[in-house]
Amino acid sequence: MSGKLPKVAVLLAAYNGMQWIEEQMASIFAQSGVDVTVYISVDPSIDGTEVWCAALATKVSNVIVLPEAGKFGGASRNFFRLIRDVEFDGFDFIAFADQDDIWCVDKLQRAVAGLEQQEADAYSSNVTAFWLDGKTCLLDKAQPQAKWDYLFEAAGPGCTYVFSNRLSQSIKSSVLANWEVLQGVTLHDWFFYAYARSCGYRWYIDPVPSMLYRQHDRNQVGANTGLRSLISRYKTIHDGWWFSQVQFIARLTGQEFDPFVASWLPLHGMQLFRLSFSAWSCRRRMRDKVLFFFVCWLKILVKNKG
């Protein structure tokens, strides 16, 4: 690609984003060392997001707003729609964008360089979370990848993901073939990581933060920091959501027949007991490995008590 800027399709999912989307788009337009085209899919909004995006597309040739496609009800379905409907032919890389972040000027250039240097097909990075009161916090997701971590967590915020055309086309084929089933996936970034890793694609997690990750009351997931976040995440485990998504993603990625996965996939008493002793290979961060062990045991105790 020497002498020619890498062509990147940025897929942006929007919903009631007028408070932040203009600043985000400005940071995307400011990207250095790449040729960017932005595709926007807007979940029906009440704050004028559709009108603003449509007006932008009439003024800027490298912004394309996809036709209205009904209500998605969540970022994952919106991103799956973008994967389904955007043609990737002619692009070297595909990137994902949320509506409310601020990208570093070299975000995509660094991702492209990382993919080429690491001979990888998928890239993600650390981010710097920031709050309205000026507080900031590095979110470190760049621990060494574990053998099975992809069945239990994402590679980091999906808004940092950049894929090669080769991987993007493979994901598109999977999305088209499993469209109805995929509507049950809550977190697209978790599924994309699981798909890539389960299919043998190399994934590089950059320790350098590539963007400012805005934190506010309407974050669908947000930064995993503090006691409030820990309690919120425990609730998703206690009510069964997290374990059900683990099972769902294992089956979607065809891992259910692997002997290791089959030994715990029902996620009942003895299966959870066995799984707890594999915590080292199921999460990346040391703290999460320890928590994983205790979560399995807590789930066993709660189930037995019930």
C-alpha atoms as a PDB file:
ATOM      1  CA  MET A   1       0.000   0.000   0.000  1.00  0.00           C
ATOM      2  CA  SER A   2       3.045   2.294  -0.306  1.00  0.00           C
ATOM      3  CA  GLY A   3       2.318   5.574  -2.122  1.00  0.00           C
ATOM      4  CA  LYS A   4      -1.386   5.152  -1.515  1.00  0.00           C
ATOM      5  CA  LEU A   5      -3.292   5.862   1.675  1.00  0.00           C
ATOM      6  CA  PRO A   6      -5.029   2.821   3.197  1.00  0.00           C
ATOM      7  CA  LYS A   7      -8.785   3.016   2.605  1.00  0.00           C
ATOM      8  CA  VAL A   8     -10.821   2.579   5.797  1.00  0.00           C
ATOM      9  CA  ALA A   9     -14.590   2.202   6.071  1.00  0.00           C
ATOM     10  CA  VAL A  10     -15.712   3.530   9.458  1.00  0.00           C
ATOM     11  CA  LEU A  11     -19.032   2.051  10.605  1.00  0.00           C
ATOM     12  CA  LEU A  12     -20.806   4.377  13.036  1.00  0.00           C
ATOM     13  CA  ALA A  13     -23.970   3.421  14.920  1.00  0.00           C
ATOM     14  CA  ALA A  14     -25.976   6.424  16.143  1.00  0.00           C
ATOM     15  CA  TYR A  15     -28.954   6.951  18.416  1.00  0.00           C
ATOM     16  CA  ASN A  16     -30.013  10.236  20.047  1.00  0.00           C
ATOM     17  CA  GLY A  17     -26.442  11.403  19.651  1.00  0.00           C
ATOM     18  CA  MET A  18     -26.720  15.124  18.974  1.00  0.00           C
ATOM     19  CA  GLN A  19     -25.035  16.024  22.244  1.00  0.00           C
ATOM     20  CA  TRP A  20     -21.741  14.443  21.131  1.00  0.00           C
ATOM     21  CA  ILE A  21     -21.764  13.228  17.522  1.00  0.00           C
ATOM     22  CA  GLU A  22     -20.407  16.425  15.966  1.00  0.00           C
ATOM     23  CA  GLU A  23     -17.274  16.287  18.124  1.00  0.00           C
ATOM     24  CA  GLN A  24     -16.819  12.611  17.337  1.00  0.00           C
ATOM     25  CA  MET A  25     -17.182  13.155  13.596  1.00  0.00           C
ATOM     26  CA  ALA A  26     -14.627  15.980  13.726  1.00  0.00           C
ATOM     27  CA  SER A  27     -12.108  13.601  15.324  1.00  0.00           C
ATOM     28  CA  ILE A  28     -12.790  11.011  12.606  1.00  0.00           C
ATOM     29  CA  PHE A  29     -12.327  13.570   9.821  1.00  0.00           C
ATOM     30  CA  ALA A  30      -9.022  14.609  11.445  1.00  0.00           C
ATOM     31  CA  GLN A  31      -7.490  11.113  11.082  1.00  0.00           C
ATOM     32  CA  SER A  32      -3.987  11.196   9.636  1.00  0.00           C
ATOM     33  CA  GLY A  33      -2.431   8.810   7.124  1.00  0.00           C
ATOM     34  CA  VAL A  34      -5.640   7.116   5.982  1.00  0.00           C
ATOM     35  CA  ASP A  35      -8.450   7.632   3.464  1.00  0.00           C
ATOM     36  CA  VAL A  36     -11.693   7.443   5.452  1.00  0.00           C
ATOM     37  CA  THR A  37     -15.304   6.880   4.393  1.00  0.00           C
ATOM     38  CA  VAL A  38     -17.901   6.982   7.194  1.00  0.00           C
ATOM     39  CA  TYR A  39     -21.083   4.909   7.011  1.00  0.00           C
ATOM     40  CA  ILE A  40     -23.753   5.915   9.535  1.00  0.00           C
ATOM     41  CA  SER A  41     -26.755   3.856  10.624  1.00  0.00           C
ATOM     42  CA  VAL A  42     -29.196   5.781  12.811  1.00  0.00           C
ATOM     43  CA  ASP A  43     -31.563   4.055  15.207  1.00  0.00           C
ATOM     44  CA  PRO A  44     -34.767   6.192  15.083  1.00  0.00           C
ATOM     45  CA  SER A  45     -34.079   9.150  17.374  1.00  0.00           C
ATOM     46  CA  ILE A  46     -36.000  12.066  18.856  1.00  0.00           C
ATOM     47  CA  ASP A  47     -33.216  14.659  19.099  1.00  0.00           C
ATOM     48  CA  GLY A  48     -32.598  15.376  15.400  1.00  0.00           C
ATOM     49  CA  THR A  49     -29.733  12.932  14.888  1.00  0.00           C
ATOM     50  CA  GLU A  50     -31.165  11.652  11.575  1.00  0.00           C
ATOM     51  CA  VAL A  51     -31.600  15.173  10.199  1.00  0.00           C
ATOM     52  CA  TRP A  52     -28.094  16.228  11.221  1.00  0.00           C
ATOM     53  CA  CYS A  53     -26.480  13.116   9.705  1.00  0.00           C
ATOM     54  CA  ALA A  54     -28.468  13.481   6.474  1.00  0.00           C
ATOM     55  CA  ALA A  55     -27.425  17.131   6.147  1.00  0.00           C
ATOM     56  CA  LEU A  56     -23.784  16.218   6.762  1.00  0.00           C
ATOM     57  CA  ALA A  57     -23.921  13.566   4.029  1.00  0.00           C
ATOM     58  CA  THR A  58     -25.111  16.175   1.509  1.00  0.00           C
ATOM     59  CA  LYS A  59     -22.090  18.368   2.284  1.00  0.00           C
ATOM     60  CA  VAL A  60     -19.343  15.781   2.764  1.00  0.00           C
ATOM     61  CA  SER A  61     -18.737  13.208   0.036  1.00  0.00           C
ATOM     62  CA  ASN A  62     -17.100  10.638   2.310  1.00  0.00           C
ATOM     63  CA  VAL A  63     -20.124  10.383   4.635  1.00  0.00           C
ATOM     64  CA  ILE A  64     -22.896   7.954   3.689  1.00  0.00           C
ATOM     65  CA  VAL A  65     -26.064   7.555   5.739  1.00  0.00           C
ATOM     66  CA  LEU A  66     -27.732   4.180   5.332  1.00  0.00           C
ATOM     67  CA  PRO A  67     -31.485   4.130   4.607  1.00  0.00           C
ATOM     68  CA  GLU A  68     -33.842   3.863   7.551  1.00  0.00           C
ATOM     69  CA  ALA A  69     -34.228   0.233   8.615  1.00  0.00           C
ATOM     70  CA  GLY A  70     -36.609   0.369  11.555  1.00  0.00           C
ATOM     71  CA  LYS A  71     -35.828   0.288  15.250  1.00  0.00           C
ATOM     72  CA  PHE A  72     -32.775  -1.656  16.444  1.00  0.00           C
ATOM     73  CA  GLY A  73     -33.158  -1.104  20.168  1.00  0.00           C
ATOM     74  CA  GLY A  74     -29.443  -1.451  20.899  1.00  0.00           C
ATOM     75  CA  ALA A  75     -25.979  -0.850  19.506  1.00  0.00           C
ATOM     76  CA  SER A  76     -25.304  -4.512  18.684  1.00  0.00           C
ATOM     77  CA  ARG A  77     -28.177  -4.868  16.247  1.00  0.00           C
ATOM     78  CA  ASN A  78     -27.232  -1.558  14.664  1.00  0.00           C
ATOM     79  CA  PHE A  79     -23.636  -2.701  14.131  1.00  0.00           C
ATOM     80  CA  PHE A  80     -24.810  -6.040  12.740  1.00  0.00           C
ATOM     81  CA  ARG A  81     -26.930  -4.045  10.282  1.00  0.00           C
ATOM     82  CA  LEU A  82     -23.879  -2.006   9.248  1.00  0.00           C
ATOM     83  CA  ILE A  83     -21.886  -5.204   8.672  1.00  0.00           C
ATOM     84  CA  ARG A  84     -24.748  -6.640   6.624  1.00  0.00           C
ATOM     85  CA  ASP A  85     -25.474  -3.610   4.444  1.00  0.00           C
ATOM     86  CA  VAL A  86     -22.115  -1.913   3.818  1.00  0.00           C
ATOM     87  CA  GLU A  87     -20.098  -3.256   0.896  1.00  0.00           C
ATOM     88  CA  PHE A  88     -16.455  -3.764   1.905  1.00  0.00           C
ATOM     89  CA  ASP A  89     -15.039  -4.206  -1.604  1.00  0.00           C
ATOM     90  CA  GLY A  90     -12.457  -1.496  -2.267  1.00  0.00           C
ATOM     91  CA  PHE A  91     -11.588  -0.970   1.396  1.00  0.00           C
ATOM     92  CA  ASP A  92      -8.413  -2.200   3.054  1.00  0.00           C
ATOM     93  CA  PHE A  93      -9.744  -2.013   6.600  1.00  0.00           C
ATOM     94  CA  ILE A  94     -13.042  -1.715   8.477  1.00  0.00           C
ATOM     95  CA  ALA A  95     -13.321   0.218  11.769  1.00  0.00           C
ATOM     96  CA  PHE A  96     -16.129   0.681  14.286  1.00  0.00           C
ATOM     97  CA  ALA A  97     -17.136   3.963  15.893  1.00  0.00           C
ATOM     98  CA  ASP A  98     -19.505   5.002  18.636  1.00  0.00           C
ATOM     99  CA  GLN A  99     -21.169   8.407  18.435  1.00  0.00           C
ATOM    100  CA  ASP A 100     -19.840   9.906  21.649  1.00  0.00           C
ATOM    101  CA  ASP A 101     -16.063   9.348  21.819  1.00  0.00           C
ATOM    102  CA  ILE A 102     -13.096  11.446  20.694  1.00  0.00           C
ATOM    103  CA  TRP A 103     -10.464   9.724  18.574  1.00  0.00           C
ATOM    104  CA  CYS A 104      -6.748  10.462  18.767  1.00  0.00           C
ATOM    105  CA  VAL A 105      -5.599  11.887  15.441  1.00  0.00           C
ATOM    106  CA  ASP A 106      -3.451   8.805  14.721  1.00  0.00           C
ATOM    107  CA  LYS A 107      -5.995   6.203  15.886  1.00  0.00           C
ATOM    108  CA  LEU A 108      -6.513   4.541  12.502  1.00  0.00           C
ATOM    109  CA  GLN A 109      -2.956   5.086  11.283  1.00  0.00           C
ATOM    110  CA  ARG A 110      -1.619   3.373  14.392  1.00  0.00           C
ATOM    111  CA  ALA A 111      -4.132   0.529  13.992  1.00  0.00           C
ATOM    112  CA  VAL A 112      -3.103  -0.071  10.375  1.00  0.00           C
ATOM    113  CA  ALA A 113       0.588  -0.040  11.327  1.00  0.00           C
ATOM    114  CA  GLY A 114      -0.078  -2.434  14.218  1.00  0.00           C
ATOM    115  CA  LEU A 115      -1.980  -4.865  12.016  1.00  0.00           C
ATOM    116  CA  GLU A 116       0.800  -4.898   9.448  1.00  0.00           C
ATOM    117  CA  GLN A 117       3.644  -5.170  11.967  1.00  0.00           C
ATOM    118  CA  GLN A 118       1.928  -7.924  13.958  1.00  0.00           C
ATOM    119  CA  GLU A 119       0.682  -9.702  10.821  1.00  0.00           C
ATOM    120  CA  ALA A 120      -2.781  -9.636  12.376  1.00  0.00           C
ATOM    121  CA  ASP A 121      -6.303  -9.316  11.008  1.00  0.00           C
ATOM    122  CA  ALA A 122      -7.900  -7.659  14.043  1.00  0.00           C
ATOM    123  CA  TYR A 123      -6.851  -4.718  16.198  1.00  0.00           C
ATOM    124  CA  SER A 124      -8.146  -3.175  19.396  1.00  0.00           C
ATOM    125  CA  SER A 125      -6.554  -0.899  21.959  1.00  0.00           C
ATOM    126  CA  ASN A 126      -6.608   0.529  25.416  1.00  0.00           C
ATOM    127  CA  VAL A 127      -8.664   3.677  25.902  1.00  0.00           C
ATOM    128  CA  THR A 128      -8.722   6.647  28.255  1.00  0.00           C
ATOM    129  CA  ALA A 129     -12.123   6.919  29.916  1.00  0.00           C
ATOM    130  CA  PHE A 130     -13.196  10.462  30.749  1.00  0.00           C
ATOM    131  CA  TRP A 131     -16.053  11.989  32.695  1.00  0.00           C
ATOM    132  CA  LEU A 132     -17.790  15.385  32.557  1.00  0.00           C
ATOM    133  CA  ASP A 133     -16.115  16.439  35.793  1.00  0.00           C
ATOM    134  CA  GLY A 134     -12.665  16.132  34.178  1.00  0.00           C
ATOM    135  CA  LYS A 135     -11.746  12.784  35.729  1.00  0.00           C
ATOM    136  CA  THR A 136      -9.816  10.384  33.478  1.00  0.00           C
ATOM    137  CA  CYS A 137      -8.769   6.751  33.823  1.00  0.00           C
ATOM    138  CA  LEU A 138      -6.746   4.409  31.625  1.00  0.00           C
ATOM    139  CA  LEU A 139      -8.722   1.265  30.799  1.00  0.00           C
ATOM    140  CA  ASP A 140      -6.079  -1.412  30.330  1.00  0.00           C
ATOM    141  CA  LYS A 141      -7.267  -4.300  28.131  1.00  0.00           C
ATOM    142  CA  ALA A 142      -3.866  -5.257  26.721  1.00  0.00           C
ATOM    143  CA  GLN A 143      -2.993  -8.183  28.980  1.00  0.00           C
ATOM    144  CA  PRO A 144      -1.748 -11.320  27.172  1.00  0.00           C
ATOM    145  CA  GLN A 145      -4.622 -13.159  25.519  1.00  0.00           C
ATOM    146  CA  ALA A 146      -5.673 -16.381  27.217  1.00  0.00           C
ATOM    147  CA  LYS A 147      -6.596 -19.569  25.387  1.00  0.00           C
ATOM    148  CA  TRP A 148     -10.349 -19.249  26.032  1.00  0.00           C
ATOM    149  CA  ASP A 149     -10.820 -15.613  27.069  1.00  0.00           C
ATOM    150  CA  TYR A 150     -12.825 -14.854  23.939  1.00  0.00           C
ATOM    151  CA  LEU A 151     -15.719 -17.004  25.167  1.00  0.00           C
ATOM    152  CA  PHE A 152     -15.973 -14.925  28.345  1.00  0.00           C
ATOM    153  CA  GLU A 153     -15.068 -11.323  27.437  1.00  0.00           C
ATOM    154  CA  ALA A 154     -14.462  -8.886  24.612  1.00  0.00           C
ATOM    155  CA  ALA A 155     -11.049  -7.607  23.554  1.00  0.00           C
ATOM    156  CA  GLY A 156     -11.993  -4.166  24.864  1.00  0.00           C
ATOM    157  CA  PRO A 157     -14.393  -1.457  23.687  1.00  0.00           C
ATOM    158  CA  GLY A 158     -15.723  -2.268  20.216  1.00  0.00           C
ATOM    159  CA  CYS A 159     -15.150   1.344  19.173  1.00  0.00           C
ATOM    160  CA  THR A 160     -11.411   0.575  19.059  1.00  0.00           C
ATOM    161  CA  TYR A 161     -11.801  -2.411  16.699  1.00  0.00           C
ATOM    162  CA  VAL A 162     -10.201  -2.313  13.245  1.00  0.00           C
ATOM    163  CA  PHE A 163     -10.369  -5.350  10.937  1.00  0.00           C
ATOM    164  CA  SER A 164      -8.639  -6.352   7.733  1.00  0.00           C
ATOM    165  CA  ASN A 165     -10.837  -6.704   4.677  1.00  0.00           C
ATOM    166  CA  ARG A 166     -10.264 -10.459   4.829  1.00  0.00           C
ATOM    167  CA  LEU A 167     -11.705 -10.767   8.340  1.00  0.00           C
ATOM    168  CA  SER A 168     -14.483  -8.259   7.605  1.00  0.00           C
ATOM    169  CA  GLN A 169     -15.696 -10.283   4.634  1.00  0.00           C
ATOM    170  CA  SER A 170     -15.666 -13.441   6.760  1.00  0.00           C
ATOM    171  CA  ILE A 171     -17.680 -11.729   9.511  1.00  0.00           C
ATOM    172  CA  LYS A 172     -20.136 -10.436   6.918  1.00  0.00           C
ATOM    173  CA  SER A 173     -20.690 -13.970   5.625  1.00  0.00           C
ATOM    174  CA  SER A 174     -21.371 -15.150   9.171  1.00  0.00           C
ATOM    175  CA  VAL A 175     -23.760 -12.265   9.852  1.00  0.00           C
ATOM    176  CA  LEU A 176     -25.697 -12.966   6.652  1.00  0.00           C
ATOM    177  CA  ALA A 177     -25.902 -16.685   7.397  1.00  0.00           C
ATOM    178  CA  ASN A 178     -26.937 -16.232  11.031  1.00  0.00           C
ATOM    179  CA  TRP A 179     -28.896 -12.974  10.906  1.00  0.00           C
ATOM    180  CA  GLU A 180     -31.907 -14.037  12.971  1.00  0.00           C
ATOM    181  CA  VAL A 181     -29.858 -15.881  15.587  1.00  0.00           C
ATOM    182  CA  LEU A 182     -27.459 -12.955  16.016  1.00  0.00           C
ATOM    183  CA  GLN A 183     -30.296 -10.741  17.196  1.00  0.00           C
ATOM    184  CA  GLY A 184     -29.884 -12.515  20.528  1.00  0.00           C
ATOM    185  CA  VAL A 185     -26.305 -11.274  20.960  1.00  0.00           C
ATOM    186  CA  THR A 186     -26.218  -8.388  23.418  1.00  0.00           C
ATOM    187  CA  LEU A 187     -22.617  -7.248  22.912  1.00  0.00           C
ATOM    188  CA  HIS A 188     -21.353  -7.129  19.325  1.00  0.00           C
ATOM    189  CA  ASP A 189     -17.751  -6.481  20.421  1.00  0.00           C
ATOM    190  CA  TRP A 190     -17.731  -9.716  22.423  1.00  0.00           C
ATOM    191  CA  PHE A 191     -19.117 -11.699  19.463  1.00  0.00           C
ATOM    192  CA  PHE A 192     -16.662 -10.207  16.938  1.00  0.00           C
ATOM    193  CA  TYR A 193     -13.728 -11.039  19.210  1.00  0.00           C
ATOM    194  CA  ALA A 194     -15.037 -14.576  19.741  1.00  0.00           C
ATOM    195  CA  TYR A 195     -15.643 -15.089  16.029  1.00  0.00           C
ATOM    196  CA  ALA A 196     -12.170 -13.908  15.014  1.00  0.00           C
ATOM    197  CA  ARG A 197     -10.319 -15.903  17.670  1.00  0.00           C
ATOM    198  CA  SER A 198     -12.381 -19.070  17.175  1.00  0.00           C
ATOM    199  CA  CYS A 199     -11.663 -18.949  13.432  1.00  0.00           C
ATOM    200  CA  GLY A 200      -7.924 -18.636  13.993  1.00  0.00           C
ATOM    201  CA  TYR A 201      -7.485 -14.971  13.064  1.00  0.00           C
ATOM    202  CA  ARG A 202      -4.632 -13.205  14.836  1.00  0.00           C
ATOM    203  CA  TRP A 203      -5.764 -10.382  17.139  1.00  0.00           C
ATOM    204  CA  TYR A 204      -3.490  -7.572  18.346  1.00  0.00           C
ATOM    205  CA  ILE A 205      -4.389  -5.520  21.452  1.00  0.00           C
ATOM    206  CA  ASP A 206      -2.444  -2.246  21.489  1.00  0.00           C
ATOM    207  CA  PRO A 207      -1.371  -1.056  24.963  1.00  0.00           C
ATOM    208  CA  VAL A 208      -1.377   2.573  23.788  1.00  0.00           C
ATOM    209  CA  PRO A 209      -4.806   4.240  24.231  1.00  0.00           C
ATOM    210  CA  SER A 210      -6.276   5.305  20.894  1.00  0.00           C
ATOM    211  CA  MET A 211      -9.214   7.447  22.016  1.00  0.00           C
ATOM    212  CA  LEU A 212     -11.052   9.261  24.775  1.00  0.00           C
ATOM    213  CA  TYR A 213     -13.916   7.001  25.877  1.00  0.00           C
ATOM    214  CA  ARG A 214     -16.742   9.218  27.069  1.00  0.00           C
ATOM    215  CA  GLN A 215     -18.609   8.154  30.211  1.00  0.00           C
ATOM    216  CA  HIS A 216     -22.180   9.284  30.804  1.00  0.00           C
ATOM    217  CA  ASP A 217     -25.526   8.012  32.052  1.00  0.00           C
ATOM    218  CA  ARG A 218     -26.530   6.615  28.640  1.00  0.00           C
ATOM    219  CA  ASN A 219     -23.487   4.371  28.086  1.00  0.00           C
ATOM    220  CA  GLN A 220     -24.758   0.908  27.142  1.00  0.00           C
ATOM    221  CA  VAL A 221     -21.790  -0.689  28.924  1.00  0.00           C
ATOM    222  CA  GLY A 222     -19.205   1.901  29.922  1.00  0.00           C
ATOM    223  CA  ALA A 223     -15.967   1.686  31.865  1.00  0.00           C
ATOM    224  CA  ASN A 224     -15.484  -1.159  34.321  1.00  0.00           C
ATOM    225  CA  THR A 225     -14.225   0.970  37.211  1.00  0.00           C
ATOM    226  CA  GLY A 226     -15.342   1.488  40.774  1.00  0.00           C
ATOM    227  CA  LEU A 227     -17.725  -0.271  43.127  1.00  0.00           C
ATOM    228  CA  ARG A 228     -20.859   0.821  41.273  1.00  0.00           C
ATOM    229  CA  SER A 229     -19.628  -0.790  38.057  1.00  0.00           C
ATOM    230  CA  LEU A 230     -18.628  -3.973  39.897  1.00  0.00           C
ATOM    231  CA  ILE A 231     -22.090  -4.262  41.479  1.00  0.00           C
ATOM    232  CA  SER A 232     -23.761  -3.662  38.113  1.00  0.00           C
ATOM    233  CA  ARG A 233     -21.709  -6.392  36.478  1.00  0.00           C
ATOM    234  CA  TYR A 234     -22.347  -8.807  39.333  1.00  0.00           C
ATOM    235  CA  LYS A 235     -26.090  -8.332  38.797  1.00  0.00           C
ATOM    236  CA  THR A 236     -25.744  -9.437  35.162  1.00  0.00           C
ATOM    237  CA  ILE A 237     -24.045 -12.601  36.415  1.00  0.00           C
ATOM    238  CA  HIS A 238     -26.515 -13.217  39.226  1.00  0.00           C
ATOM    239  CA  ASP A 239     -29.566 -12.861  36.969  1.00  0.00           C
ATOM    240  CA  GLY A 240     -28.096 -15.336  34.470  1.00  0.00           C
ATOM    241  CA  TRP A 241     -27.473 -12.941  31.564  1.00  0.00           C
ATOM    242  CA  TRP A 242     -23.698 -13.369  31.470  1.00  0.00           C
ATOM    243  CA  PHE A 243     -23.741 -17.172  31.647  1.00  0.00           C
ATOM    244  CA  SER A 244     -26.472 -17.351  28.996  1.00  0.00           C
ATOM    245  CA  GLN A 245     -24.392 -15.166  26.659  1.00  0.00           C
ATOM    246  CA  VAL A 246     -21.340 -17.382  27.260  1.00  0.00           C
ATOM    247  CA  GLN A 247     -23.382 -20.402  26.180  1.00  0.00           C
ATOM    248  CA  PHE A 248     -24.853 -18.522  23.219  1.00  0.00           C
ATOM    249  CA  ILE A 249     -21.503 -17.308  21.910  1.00  0.00           C
ATOM    250  CA  ALA A 250     -19.879 -20.710  22.392  1.00  0.00           C
ATOM    251  CA  ARG A 251     -22.570 -22.253  20.199  1.00  0.00           C
ATOM    252  CA  LEU A 252     -22.547 -19.431  17.637  1.00  0.00           C
ATOM    253  CA  THR A 253     -18.809 -19.803  17.141  1.00  0.00           C
ATOM    254  CA  GLY A 254     -18.993 -23.592  16.855  1.00  0.00           C
ATOM    255  CA  GLN A 255     -16.959 -24.204  20.012  1.00  0.00           C
ATOM    256  CA  GLU A 256     -19.629 -26.238  21.800  1.00  0.00           C
ATOM    257  CA  PHE A 257     -18.138 -29.511  20.535  1.00  0.00           C
ATOM    258  CA  ASP A 258     -14.621 -28.807  21.758  1.00  0.00           C
ATOM    259  CA  PRO A 259     -13.920 -31.264  24.621  1.00  0.00           C
ATOM    260  CA  PHE A 260     -12.993 -28.459  27.027  1.00  0.00           C
ATOM    261  CA  VAL A 261     -16.091 -26.385  26.241  1.00  0.00           C
ATOM    262  CA  ALA A 262     -18.395 -29.420  26.237  1.00  0.00           C
ATOM    263  CA  SER A 263     -17.196 -30.272  29.758  1.00  0.00           C
ATOM    264  CA  TRP A 264     -18.739 -27.116  31.221  1.00  0.00           C
ATOM    265  CA  LEU A 265     -21.183 -25.721  28.643  1.00  0.00           C
ATOM    266  CA  PRO A 266     -24.385 -26.703  30.502  1.00  0.00           C
ATOM    267  CA  LEU A 267     -22.978 -24.497  33.321  1.00  0.00           C
ATOM    268  CA  HIS A 268     -24.575 -26.464  36.140  1.00  0.00           C
ATOM    269  CA  GLY A 269     -23.062 -27.521  39.483  1.00  0.00           C
ATOM    270  CA  MET A 270     -20.268 -29.939  38.589  1.00  0.00           C
ATOM    271  CA  GLN A 271     -19.627 -28.197  35.265  1.00  0.00           C
ATOM    272  CA  LEU A 272     -19.137 -24.853  37.051  1.00  0.00           C
ATOM    273  CA  PHE A 273     -16.869 -26.566  39.569  1.00  0.00           C
ATOM    274  CA  ARG A 274     -14.631 -27.825  36.748  1.00  0.00           C
ATOM    275  CA  LEU A 275     -14.756 -24.482  34.960  1.00  0.00           C
ATOM    276  CA  SER A 276     -13.673 -22.561  38.066  1.00  0.00           C
ATOM    277  CA  PHE A 277     -10.295 -24.336  38.015  1.00  0.00           C
ATOM    278  CA  SER A 278      -9.751 -23.180  34.411  1.00  0.00           C
ATOM    279  CA  ALA A 279     -10.049 -19.500  35.371  1.00  0.00           C
ATOM    280  CA  TRP A 280      -6.443 -18.890  34.321  1.00  0.00           C
ATOM    281  CA  SER A 281      -7.266 -19.643  30.695  1.00  0.00           C
ATOM    282  CA  CYS A 282     -10.670 -17.896  30.658  1.00  0.00           C
ATOM    283  CA  ARG A 283      -9.803 -14.259  31.405  1.00  0.00           C
ATOM    284  CA  ARG A 284      -6.851 -11.994  30.620  1.00  0.00           C
ATOM    285  CA  ARG A 285      -6.454  -9.732  33.638  1.00  0.00           C
ATOM    286  CA  MET A 286      -5.257 -11.267  36.935  1.00  0.00           C
ATOM    287  CA  ARG A 287      -8.049  -9.607  38.918  1.00  0.00           C
ATOM    288  CA  ASP A 288     -10.618 -11.039  36.520  1.00  0.00           C
ATOM    289  CA  LYS A 289      -9.127 -14.535  36.756  1.00  0.00           C
ATOM    290  CA  VAL A 290      -9.589 -14.460  40.526  1.00  0.00           C
ATOM    291  CA  LEU A 291     -13.104 -13.027  40.256  1.00  0.00           C
ATOM    292  CA  PHE A 292     -13.969 -15.638  37.651  1.00  0.00           C
ATOM    293  CA  PHE A 293     -13.066 -18.422  40.085  1.00  0.00           C
ATOM    294  CA  PHE A 294     -15.225 -16.974  42.866  1.00  0.00           C
ATOM    295  CA  VAL A 295     -18.125 -16.160  40.537  1.00  0.00           C
ATOM    296  CA  CYS A 296     -18.315 -19.812  39.496  1.00  0.00           C
ATOM    297  CA  TRP A 297     -18.375 -20.923  43.115  1.00  0.00           C
ATOM    298  CA  LEU A 298     -20.901 -18.264  44.084  1.00  0.00           C
ATOM    299  CA  LYS A 299     -23.157 -19.397  41.269  1.00  0.00           C
ATOM    300  CA  ILE A 300     -22.898 -22.999  42.528  1.00  0.00           C
ATOM    301  CA  LEU A 301     -23.729 -21.966  46.113  1.00  0.00           C
ATOM    302  CA  VAL A 302     -26.666 -19.778  45.085  1.00  0.00           C
ATOM    303  CA  LYS A 303     -28.085 -22.533  42.887  1.00  0.00           C
ATOM    304  CA  ASN A 304     -27.704 -25.145  45.621  1.00  0.00           C
ATOM    305  CA  LYS A 305     -29.260 -22.819  48.185  1.00  0.00           C
ATOM    306  CA  GLY A 306     -32.208 -22.184  45.853  1.00  0.00           C
END
